[in-house]
Protein backbone atom coordinates (compact mmCIF):
# COMPACT_ATOMS: atom_id res chain seq x y z
CA MET A 1 50.12 19.99 -54.01
CA ILE A 2 49.61 16.46 -53.41
CA ALA A 3 47.16 14.73 -54.29
CA THR A 4 46.33 12.99 -50.94
CA ALA A 5 43.41 9.40 -50.00
CA THR A 6 40.45 9.97 -49.16
CA VAL A 7 40.15 6.57 -46.79
CA PRO A 8 35.99 5.73 -46.52
CA VAL A 9 33.59 6.83 -43.58
CA ALA A 10 32.47 3.50 -42.92
CA HIS A 11 36.80 2.58 -43.06
CA LYS A 12 37.53 5.41 -40.37
CA ALA A 13 34.88 3.92 -37.70
CA GLY A 14 35.98 0.34 -38.47
CA ILE A 15 33.69 -0.64 -41.13
CA THR A 16 34.30 -2.51 -44.61
CA GLN A 17 32.42 -4.10 -47.81
CA THR A 18 32.65 -7.44 -46.10
CA THR A 19 32.07 -6.72 -41.81
CA PRO A 20 28.70 -8.31 -41.85
CA ALA A 21 24.56 -6.38 -41.12
CA SER A 22 24.88 -7.78 -37.63
CA GLY A 23 28.73 -6.00 -37.04
CA ARG A 24 27.91 -2.54 -39.41
CA ILE A 25 24.57 -2.21 -36.85
CA ARG A 26 26.45 -3.07 -33.55
CA ARG A 27 28.21 -0.09 -34.84
CA ARG A 28 25.90 2.27 -35.47
CA LEU A 29 23.97 1.33 -32.17
CA ILE A 30 28.13 2.03 -30.17
CA GLU A 31 28.29 5.14 -32.20
CA ALA A 32 24.91 5.88 -30.81
CA GLY A 33 25.06 5.17 -27.43
CA GLN A 34 22.89 3.19 -27.73
CA ARG A 35 21.86 -0.54 -25.24
CA PHE A 36 21.41 -3.27 -27.35
CA HIS A 37 20.50 -5.71 -25.08
CA ALA A 38 17.76 -9.05 -25.72
CA ASN A 39 14.96 -7.19 -25.06
CA ASP A 40 15.99 -4.01 -26.50
CA ASN A 41 14.19 -1.62 -29.64
CA ILE A 42 17.16 -1.27 -32.36
CA ALA A 43 15.07 -1.33 -35.39
CA ALA A 44 16.06 2.92 -35.80
CA PHE A 45 19.04 1.49 -36.77
CA VAL A 46 18.91 -1.24 -39.70
CA ARG A 47 19.13 0.21 -42.76
CA PRO A 48 17.11 -1.24 -45.85
CA GLY A 49 17.98 -4.70 -46.99
CA GLU A 50 19.83 -5.79 -43.93
CA LEU A 51 16.80 -8.00 -42.07
CA ASP A 52 17.74 -10.29 -45.62
CA GLU A 53 22.11 -10.15 -44.50
CA LEU A 54 20.99 -11.23 -40.94
CA ARG A 55 18.94 -13.50 -41.57
CA ASN A 56 21.95 -15.25 -43.98
CA GLU A 57 24.46 -14.18 -41.18
CA VAL A 58 22.30 -15.80 -38.89
CA GLN A 59 21.39 -19.40 -40.92
CA GLY A 60 25.10 -19.61 -41.09
CA HIS A 61 25.73 -19.33 -37.34
CA VAL A 62 22.30 -21.71 -36.91
CA HIS A 63 24.46 -23.98 -39.31
CA GLU A 64 27.42 -23.96 -37.68
CA LEU A 65 25.09 -25.01 -34.54
CA LEU A 66 24.83 -27.69 -35.66
CA ARG A 67 27.91 -29.63 -36.38
CA ALA A 68 28.52 -28.72 -33.42
CA LEU A 69 26.16 -30.73 -32.12
CA VAL A 70 26.91 -33.20 -34.40
CA ILE A 71 23.82 -33.44 -36.30
CA ASP A 72 24.75 -34.61 -39.88
CA THR A 73 23.02 -31.99 -41.83
CA ALA A 74 24.04 -32.79 -45.20
CA SER A 75 22.64 -36.52 -45.49
CA ASP A 76 19.07 -36.62 -42.74
CA HIS A 77 16.70 -35.15 -44.91
CA ASN A 78 14.61 -33.58 -41.38
CA THR A 79 17.45 -31.36 -40.70
CA ILE A 80 18.78 -30.45 -44.37
CA ASP A 81 17.18 -26.89 -44.55
CA THR A 82 16.55 -26.62 -40.45
CA ALA A 83 19.54 -23.80 -40.27
CA ARG A 84 17.47 -21.82 -42.30
CA ARG A 85 13.73 -21.48 -41.08
CA VAL A 86 15.61 -21.59 -37.22
CA ALA A 87 16.70 -17.68 -38.63
CA LYS A 88 13.38 -17.03 -40.09
CA MET A 89 11.66 -17.64 -37.52
CA PHE A 90 14.26 -15.35 -35.07
CA VAL A 91 14.49 -12.69 -37.42
CA ASP A 92 10.90 -12.33 -38.42
CA GLU A 93 8.65 -14.21 -36.45
CA VAL A 94 9.70 -14.91 -33.02
CA PHE A 95 12.32 -11.65 -32.36
CA ARG A 96 10.74 -9.85 -34.98
CA GLY A 97 9.68 -6.78 -31.88
CA ARG A 98 13.37 -5.98 -31.92
CA TYR A 99 13.85 -4.80 -36.06
CA GLU A 100 11.04 -4.22 -35.70
CA SER A 101 9.97 -0.52 -36.47
CA PRO A 102 6.59 1.02 -33.33
CA PRO A 103 3.28 0.04 -34.98
CA GLU A 104 1.53 3.11 -36.27
CA ILE A 105 -0.76 3.77 -33.06
CA THR A 106 -3.77 6.75 -34.10
CA ARG A 107 -5.78 8.35 -31.35
CA PHE A 108 -8.86 10.68 -30.89
CA PRO A 109 -9.26 13.53 -28.87
CA ASN A 110 -12.09 12.58 -25.66
CA ALA A 111 -14.28 14.48 -26.20
CA ALA A 112 -16.61 12.42 -24.61
CA GLN A 113 -14.92 12.70 -21.59
CA LEU A 114 -14.70 9.03 -20.77
CA ASN A 115 -13.64 8.56 -17.06
CA GLU A 116 -15.22 5.05 -16.08
CA LEU A 117 -12.60 1.59 -16.40
CA MET A 118 -11.94 0.58 -19.60
CA ILE A 119 -10.19 -3.50 -19.09
CA VAL A 120 -8.51 -4.80 -22.48
CA GLY A 121 -7.83 -8.72 -22.74
CA PRO A 122 -7.14 -11.31 -22.55
CA ILE A 123 -4.54 -10.80 -25.15
CA ARG A 124 -2.88 -14.17 -26.56
CA VAL A 125 0.64 -13.34 -26.02
CA ARG A 126 3.69 -15.61 -27.72
CA SER A 127 7.55 -13.97 -26.34
CA ALA A 128 10.90 -15.54 -25.05
CA CYS A 129 12.87 -16.75 -21.94
CA SER A 130 16.20 -14.43 -22.64
CA HIS A 131 17.91 -16.82 -20.12
CA HIS A 132 17.27 -20.15 -22.22
CA LEU A 133 15.25 -19.03 -25.41
CA CYS A 134 12.75 -20.90 -24.18
CA PRO A 135 8.56 -20.46 -25.67
CA ILE A 136 6.91 -17.88 -22.58
CA MET A 137 3.02 -18.27 -23.53
CA GLY A 138 0.17 -16.23 -21.88
CA ARG A 139 -2.67 -13.92 -21.02
CA VAL A 140 -2.71 -9.93 -21.08
CA TRP A 141 -5.10 -7.77 -19.85
CA ILE A 142 -4.76 -4.04 -19.84
CA GLY A 143 -6.63 -1.80 -17.37
CA VAL A 144 -7.54 2.19 -18.05
CA LEU A 145 -9.21 4.84 -16.23
CA PRO A 146 -8.73 8.23 -19.40
CA SER A 147 -8.74 11.67 -17.90
CA PRO A 148 -10.39 14.71 -19.69
CA THR A 149 -6.53 14.95 -21.41
CA SER A 150 -6.10 11.28 -21.61
CA ASP A 151 -6.14 10.19 -26.02
CA LEU A 152 -8.49 7.16 -27.00
CA ILE A 153 -7.09 4.31 -29.25
CA GLY A 154 -9.00 1.68 -31.23
CA LEU A 155 -8.93 -2.33 -29.25
CA SER A 156 -7.62 -3.78 -31.95
CA LYS A 157 -4.44 -1.27 -31.12
CA TYR A 158 -3.42 -2.68 -28.00
CA ALA A 159 -2.62 -5.90 -29.33
CA ARG A 160 -1.24 -4.67 -31.96
CA LEU A 161 1.59 -2.63 -28.77
CA CYS A 162 0.76 -5.48 -26.09
CA HIS A 163 2.13 -8.00 -29.69
CA TRP A 164 5.55 -6.28 -30.34
CA ILE A 165 6.50 -5.21 -27.12
CA MET A 166 6.44 -9.37 -26.81
CA SER A 167 7.82 -10.33 -29.50
CA ARG A 168 11.54 -10.04 -27.79
CA PRO A 169 13.24 -12.51 -25.54
CA GLN A 170 13.30 -11.18 -22.23
CA ILE A 171 12.12 -12.43 -18.67
CA GLN A 172 8.03 -11.42 -17.76
CA GLU A 173 8.91 -8.91 -14.79
CA GLU A 174 11.12 -6.56 -17.48
CA ALA A 175 8.23 -7.11 -20.32
CA VAL A 176 5.08 -5.94 -18.64
CA VAL A 177 7.12 -2.99 -17.59
CA MET A 178 8.06 -2.01 -20.74
CA LEU A 179 4.46 -2.65 -22.41
CA ALA A 180 2.79 -0.05 -19.35
CA ASP A 181 5.87 2.26 -20.36
CA GLU A 182 4.54 2.63 -23.43
CA LEU A 183 1.10 2.45 -23.26
CA GLU A 184 1.29 5.96 -20.76
CA ARG A 185 3.37 7.52 -23.12
CA ARG A 186 0.74 7.17 -25.62
CA ILE A 187 -2.89 7.82 -24.12
CA ARG A 188 -1.90 9.68 -21.02
CA PRO A 189 -4.91 8.47 -18.75
CA GLU A 190 -4.99 8.73 -14.95
CA GLY A 191 -4.24 5.08 -14.11
CA LEU A 192 -3.19 2.26 -16.12
CA ALA A 193 -2.63 -1.18 -15.16
CA VAL A 194 -1.51 -4.62 -16.75
CA VAL A 195 -0.79 -7.93 -15.60
CA MET A 196 0.01 -11.04 -17.42
CA ARG A 197 0.23 -14.37 -16.52
CA ALA A 198 1.70 -16.64 -18.15
CA GLU A 199 3.48 -20.25 -18.44
CA HIS A 200 7.64 -20.13 -18.87
CA PHE A 201 9.17 -23.20 -21.72
CA CYS A 202 12.15 -23.05 -19.39
CA MET A 203 10.39 -24.48 -16.67
CA HIS A 204 7.92 -27.27 -18.79
CA TRP A 205 10.81 -28.33 -20.40
CA ARG A 206 14.01 -28.23 -18.48
CA GLY A 207 15.30 -27.69 -15.29
CA VAL A 208 11.97 -28.51 -12.57
CA ARG A 209 10.03 -29.45 -15.62
CA ASP A 210 6.33 -28.56 -13.14
CA ASP A 211 3.65 -28.54 -15.79
CA GLU A 212 1.26 -26.43 -13.29
CA SER A 213 3.78 -23.82 -12.66
CA SER A 214 2.87 -20.19 -14.08
CA LEU A 215 4.12 -16.89 -13.70
CA THR A 216 1.43 -13.67 -12.58
CA ASN A 217 2.38 -10.89 -12.33
CA SER A 218 1.34 -6.62 -12.32
CA VAL A 219 1.79 -3.11 -12.52
CA MET A 220 -0.39 -0.63 -10.91
CA ARG A 221 0.12 3.66 -12.51
CA GLY A 222 -1.71 6.70 -11.18
CA ALA A 223 -5.16 6.30 -9.92
CA PHE A 224 -4.74 2.42 -9.30
CA LEU A 225 -1.94 2.83 -7.38
CA THR A 226 -3.13 4.91 -4.91
CA ASP A 227 -7.19 4.38 -4.89
CA ALA A 228 -8.18 0.66 -3.52
CA ASN A 229 -11.41 0.14 -4.85
CA LEU A 230 -10.16 0.63 -8.59
CA ARG A 231 -7.88 -1.64 -8.00
CA ARG A 232 -9.26 -4.58 -5.97
CA GLU A 233 -12.70 -4.23 -8.80
CA PHE A 234 -9.91 -4.41 -11.81
CA LEU A 235 -8.33 -7.52 -10.86
CA ASP A 236 -11.67 -8.64 -9.75
CA LEU A 237 -12.80 -8.01 -13.42
CA THR A 238 -9.83 -10.20 -15.20
CA THR A 239 -9.53 -13.14 -12.56
CA ARG A 240 -13.25 -13.59 -12.34
CA GLY A 241 -12.77 -15.96 -15.66
CA ASP A 242 -10.33 -17.86 -13.96
CA ARG A 243 -12.55 -18.78 -10.52
């Protein structure tokens, strides 16, 4: 019998011990047919310890970016540690909604048969524009019309879900749809409304440099879409403080 060498599975997939964390994670996503756009959550494909590796990898690339911008990080005391700080900011803070599993949300049955409009907000949110990676700073209001079969969640849980969705590079129009989808899946209300009003620093900081502009958009589902009076009540209550 002739002995044959066993090729490690990782090697067969084109992954070796020297493949960086980003390459290993990307390979898993591709093999699973999973999209990994800027605003997608990829936590299920990140293995223990790989975020530390990814942070170090990003740090190296940021350092090369600074070199390409002709910044002397070796002598400039203000930028010596900038690459590490930026990597930590992106992975652990600004984009953490990509790498963090969904927050645990305890749900309760609607035992009291509540069927009146509930409004949560304004919830302060921070995101980043996926076009220029500039900050998006704004507020979100959530309207819920429960049904007898709806689940109820605590007020703080709305904020947790909101922050998880918003902590990714994206455009505002898609962010509110993603938030509405997540809420609708979890609480199954008779009606759901989400309004977001935000300032985009890609307009303040660059381009037209307009400091007065903001973007407001909304998503209406179920009863909020079919009942004009309910929709008007929600919008009136969420804009009252801005008058």
